[in-house]
């Protein structure tokens, strides 16, 4: 039997690694944990999980085919559990970074139904910031 506990890591193939690293580190407060320049891999700590950025022009990135874009995304969305979920504070951080966010809506996640906000990173990937269950 396989029992999945949580997301371990997500890998995004990226065109502009610097812009993506800036967004995830300066806006969403991830931290660079490790770089493997020789293969083209930037690993960011996102809470208990990792978010890997793979530049499409690096060794790993070239193995993955065409770059992500309007006609070919490599992921539908990434959901990060946010604690605390303070809508005003979240919107303030995003606005200061020039990031537009959608409305807070109730969506189902790993902990049940609760508040979430969708936004886009610099390369158009959809990011969901998810709060705790309503109950």
C-alpha atoms as a PDB file:
ATOM      1  CA  UNK A   1       0.000   0.000   0.000  1.00  0.00           C
ATOM      2  CA  UNK A   2       1.195   3.509  -0.749  1.00  0.00           C
ATOM      3  CA  UNK A   3       0.153   6.310   1.622  1.00  0.00           C
ATOM      4  CA  UNK A   4       0.936   9.862   0.510  1.00  0.00           C
ATOM      5  CA  UNK A   5       1.472  12.253   3.414  1.00  0.00           C
ATOM      6  CA  UNK A   6       2.146  15.583   1.645  1.00  0.00           C
ATOM      7  CA  UNK A   7       3.842  17.139  -1.349  1.00  0.00           C
ATOM      8  CA  UNK A   8       7.606  16.537  -1.264  1.00  0.00           C
ATOM      9  CA  UNK A   9       8.601  18.750  -4.167  1.00  0.00           C
ATOM     10  CA  UNK A  10       7.354  20.299  -7.383  1.00  0.00           C
ATOM     11  CA  UNK A  11       9.544  20.908 -10.411  1.00  0.00           C
ATOM     12  CA  UNK A  12       8.905  23.848 -12.727  1.00  0.00           C
ATOM     13  CA  UNK A  13      10.703  24.196 -16.047  1.00  0.00           C
ATOM     14  CA  UNK A  14      11.366  27.926 -16.410  1.00  0.00           C
ATOM     15  CA  UNK A  15      12.453  30.389 -19.095  1.00  0.00           C
ATOM     16  CA  UNK A  16      13.649  33.239 -16.827  1.00  0.00           C
ATOM     17  CA  UNK A  17      15.217  31.642 -13.750  1.00  0.00           C
ATOM     18  CA  UNK A  18      16.164  34.989 -12.181  1.00  0.00           C
ATOM     19  CA  UNK A  19      12.585  36.346 -12.368  1.00  0.00           C
ATOM     20  CA  UNK A  20      11.159  33.105 -11.027  1.00  0.00           C
ATOM     21  CA  UNK A  21      13.674  32.934  -8.164  1.00  0.00           C
ATOM     22  CA  UNK A  22      12.920  36.569  -7.298  1.00  0.00           C
ATOM     23  CA  UNK A  23       9.153  35.897  -7.248  1.00  0.00           C
ATOM     24  CA  UNK A  24       9.316  32.753  -5.124  1.00  0.00           C
ATOM     25  CA  UNK A  25      11.982  34.087  -2.731  1.00  0.00           C
ATOM     26  CA  UNK A  26      11.025  37.763  -2.420  1.00  0.00           C
ATOM     27  CA  UNK A  27       7.242  37.566  -2.779  1.00  0.00           C
ATOM     28  CA  UNK A  28       6.336  34.126  -1.405  1.00  0.00           C
ATOM     29  CA  UNK A  29       9.349  33.977   0.970  1.00  0.00           C
ATOM     30  CA  UNK A  30      10.843  30.672  -0.149  1.00  0.00           C
ATOM     31  CA  UNK A  31      14.575  30.290   0.439  1.00  0.00           C
ATOM     32  CA  UNK A  32      17.293  28.945  -1.826  1.00  0.00           C
ATOM     33  CA  UNK A  33      18.340  25.640  -0.297  1.00  0.00           C
ATOM     34  CA  UNK A  34      20.683  24.317  -2.953  1.00  0.00           C
ATOM     35  CA  UNK A  35      21.997  25.107  -6.422  1.00  0.00           C
ATOM     36  CA  UNK A  36      23.374  22.639  -8.912  1.00  0.00           C
ATOM     37  CA  UNK A  37      24.627  24.922 -11.659  1.00  0.00           C
ATOM     38  CA  UNK A  38      26.281  22.102 -13.642  1.00  0.00           C
ATOM     39  CA  UNK A  39      22.925  20.466 -14.364  1.00  0.00           C
ATOM     40  CA  UNK A  40      20.716  23.577 -14.169  1.00  0.00           C
ATOM     41  CA  UNK A  41      18.752  23.162 -10.932  1.00  0.00           C
ATOM     42  CA  UNK A  42      17.739  25.671  -8.252  1.00  0.00           C
ATOM     43  CA  UNK A  43      16.056  24.127  -5.217  1.00  0.00           C
ATOM     44  CA  UNK A  44      13.909  26.383  -3.050  1.00  0.00           C
ATOM     45  CA  UNK A  45      12.572  25.551   0.403  1.00  0.00           C
ATOM     46  CA  UNK A  46       8.801  26.110   0.557  1.00  0.00           C
ATOM     47  CA  UNK A  47       7.844  25.238   4.128  1.00  0.00           C
ATOM     48  CA  UNK A  48       8.375  21.486   4.504  1.00  0.00           C
ATOM     49  CA  UNK A  49       8.457  21.034   0.726  1.00  0.00           C
ATOM     50  CA  UNK A  50      10.838  21.891  -2.080  1.00  0.00           C
ATOM     51  CA  UNK A  51      10.143  23.814  -5.260  1.00  0.00           C
ATOM     52  CA  UNK A  52      12.707  23.064  -7.957  1.00  0.00           C
ATOM     53  CA  UNK A  53      13.327  25.534 -10.774  1.00  0.00           C
ATOM     54  CA  UNK A  54      14.853  24.009 -13.898  1.00  0.00           C
ATOM     55  CA  UNK A  55      15.934  26.559 -16.532  1.00  0.00           C
ATOM     56  CA  UNK A  56      14.968  25.244 -19.986  1.00  0.00           C
ATOM     57  CA  UNK A  57      18.394  26.188 -21.366  1.00  0.00           C
ATOM     58  CA  UNK A  58      20.291  24.046 -18.797  1.00  0.00           C
ATOM     59  CA  UNK A  59      21.251  20.375 -18.973  1.00  0.00           C
ATOM     60  CA  UNK A  60      18.081  19.134 -17.230  1.00  0.00           C
ATOM     61  CA  UNK A  61      15.878  21.675 -18.970  1.00  0.00           C
ATOM     62  CA  UNK A  62      16.967  20.678 -22.475  1.00  0.00           C
ATOM     63  CA  UNK A  63      15.941  17.091 -21.731  1.00  0.00           C
ATOM     64  CA  UNK A  64      12.349  18.197 -21.089  1.00  0.00           C
ATOM     65  CA  UNK A  65      11.445  19.450 -24.552  1.00  0.00           C
ATOM     66  CA  UNK A  66       9.857  22.772 -25.452  1.00  0.00           C
ATOM     67  CA  UNK A  67       9.738  25.656 -22.999  1.00  0.00           C
ATOM     68  CA  UNK A  68       6.532  26.285 -21.038  1.00  0.00           C
ATOM     69  CA  UNK A  69       4.172  28.803 -22.600  1.00  0.00           C
ATOM     70  CA  UNK A  70       0.571  29.521 -23.543  1.00  0.00           C
ATOM     71  CA  UNK A  71       0.289  26.324 -25.587  1.00  0.00           C
ATOM     72  CA  UNK A  72       2.239  24.036 -23.297  1.00  0.00           C
ATOM     73  CA  UNK A  73       2.303  24.337 -19.526  1.00  0.00           C
ATOM     74  CA  UNK A  74       4.155  21.837 -17.408  1.00  0.00           C
ATOM     75  CA  UNK A  75       1.818  22.080 -14.400  1.00  0.00           C
ATOM     76  CA  UNK A  76      -1.813  23.147 -13.800  1.00  0.00           C
ATOM     77  CA  UNK A  77      -1.245  24.850 -10.471  1.00  0.00           C
ATOM     78  CA  UNK A  78       0.747  24.639  -7.274  1.00  0.00           C
ATOM     79  CA  UNK A  79      -1.012  24.944  -3.935  1.00  0.00           C
ATOM     80  CA  UNK A  80       0.893  26.202  -0.916  1.00  0.00           C
ATOM     81  CA  UNK A  81      -0.734  25.927   2.513  1.00  0.00           C
ATOM     82  CA  UNK A  82      -0.408  29.367   4.181  1.00  0.00           C
ATOM     83  CA  UNK A  83      -0.430  29.880   7.950  1.00  0.00           C
ATOM     84  CA  UNK A  84      -1.861  32.191   9.089  1.00  0.00           C
ATOM     85  CA  UNK A  85      -4.241  33.002   6.263  1.00  0.00           C
ATOM     86  CA  UNK A  86      -4.528  36.779   6.670  1.00  0.00           C
ATOM     87  CA  UNK A  87      -6.145  38.039   3.478  1.00  0.00           C
ATOM     88  CA  UNK A  88      -5.220  41.698   4.014  1.00  0.00           C
ATOM     89  CA  UNK A  89      -1.579  40.868   4.752  1.00  0.00           C
ATOM     90  CA  UNK A  90      -1.352  38.477   1.785  1.00  0.00           C
ATOM     91  CA  UNK A  91      -2.859  41.049  -0.569  1.00  0.00           C
ATOM     92  CA  UNK A  92      -0.508  43.730   0.786  1.00  0.00           C
ATOM     93  CA  UNK A  93       2.576  41.630   0.051  1.00  0.00           C
ATOM     94  CA  UNK A  94       1.318  40.713  -3.407  1.00  0.00           C
ATOM     95  CA  UNK A  95       0.321  44.285  -4.288  1.00  0.00           C
ATOM     96  CA  UNK A  96       3.710  45.611  -3.154  1.00  0.00           C
ATOM     97  CA  UNK A  97       5.311  43.136  -5.568  1.00  0.00           C
ATOM     98  CA  UNK A  98       2.957  44.113  -8.402  1.00  0.00           C
ATOM     99  CA  UNK A  99       1.199  40.742  -8.332  1.00  0.00           C
ATOM    100  CA  UNK A 100      -2.537  40.618  -9.018  1.00  0.00           C
ATOM    101  CA  UNK A 101      -4.568  38.070  -7.094  1.00  0.00           C
ATOM    102  CA  UNK A 102      -8.061  36.737  -7.571  1.00  0.00           C
ATOM    103  CA  UNK A 103     -10.812  36.822  -4.970  1.00  0.00           C
ATOM    104  CA  UNK A 104     -10.767  34.685  -1.856  1.00  0.00           C
ATOM    105  CA  UNK A 105     -12.901  31.656  -2.584  1.00  0.00           C
ATOM    106  CA  UNK A 106     -13.733  28.550  -0.626  1.00  0.00           C
ATOM    107  CA  UNK A 107     -11.923  25.567  -2.134  1.00  0.00           C
ATOM    108  CA  UNK A 108     -11.276  22.019  -1.031  1.00  0.00           C
ATOM    109  CA  UNK A 109      -7.713  21.044  -0.137  1.00  0.00           C
ATOM    110  CA  UNK A 110      -5.758  18.509   1.893  1.00  0.00           C
ATOM    111  CA  UNK A 111      -7.228  19.804   5.172  1.00  0.00           C
ATOM    112  CA  UNK A 112     -10.773  20.303   3.875  1.00  0.00           C
ATOM    113  CA  UNK A 113     -12.807  23.249   2.602  1.00  0.00           C
ATOM    114  CA  UNK A 114     -11.262  26.638   3.313  1.00  0.00           C
ATOM    115  CA  UNK A 115     -10.174  29.993   1.919  1.00  0.00           C
ATOM    116  CA  UNK A 116      -7.800  30.269  -1.014  1.00  0.00           C
ATOM    117  CA  UNK A 117      -6.460  32.855  -3.433  1.00  0.00           C
ATOM    118  CA  UNK A 118      -5.180  32.223  -6.957  1.00  0.00           C
ATOM    119  CA  UNK A 119      -2.389  34.254  -8.561  1.00  0.00           C
ATOM    120  CA  UNK A 120       0.193  33.868 -11.334  1.00  0.00           C
ATOM    121  CA  UNK A 121       3.964  33.691 -11.089  1.00  0.00           C
ATOM    122  CA  UNK A 122       6.143  35.572 -13.626  1.00  0.00           C
ATOM    123  CA  UNK A 123       5.853  32.774 -16.205  1.00  0.00           C
ATOM    124  CA  UNK A 124       2.089  32.318 -15.936  1.00  0.00           C
ATOM    125  CA  UNK A 125       1.967  29.305 -13.607  1.00  0.00           C
ATOM    126  CA  UNK A 126      -1.109  29.381 -11.386  1.00  0.00           C
ATOM    127  CA  UNK A 127      -0.323  29.470  -7.663  1.00  0.00           C
ATOM    128  CA  UNK A 128      -2.937  28.810  -4.992  1.00  0.00           C
ATOM    129  CA  UNK A 129      -2.370  30.147  -1.480  1.00  0.00           C
ATOM    130  CA  UNK A 130      -4.577  27.987   0.761  1.00  0.00           C
ATOM    131  CA  UNK A 131      -5.756  28.652   4.289  1.00  0.00           C
ATOM    132  CA  UNK A 132      -7.026  26.235   6.968  1.00  0.00           C
ATOM    133  CA  UNK A 133     -10.287  24.354   6.889  1.00  0.00           C
ATOM    134  CA  UNK A 134     -13.354  26.382   7.859  1.00  0.00           C
ATOM    135  CA  UNK A 135     -14.219  23.792  10.541  1.00  0.00           C
END
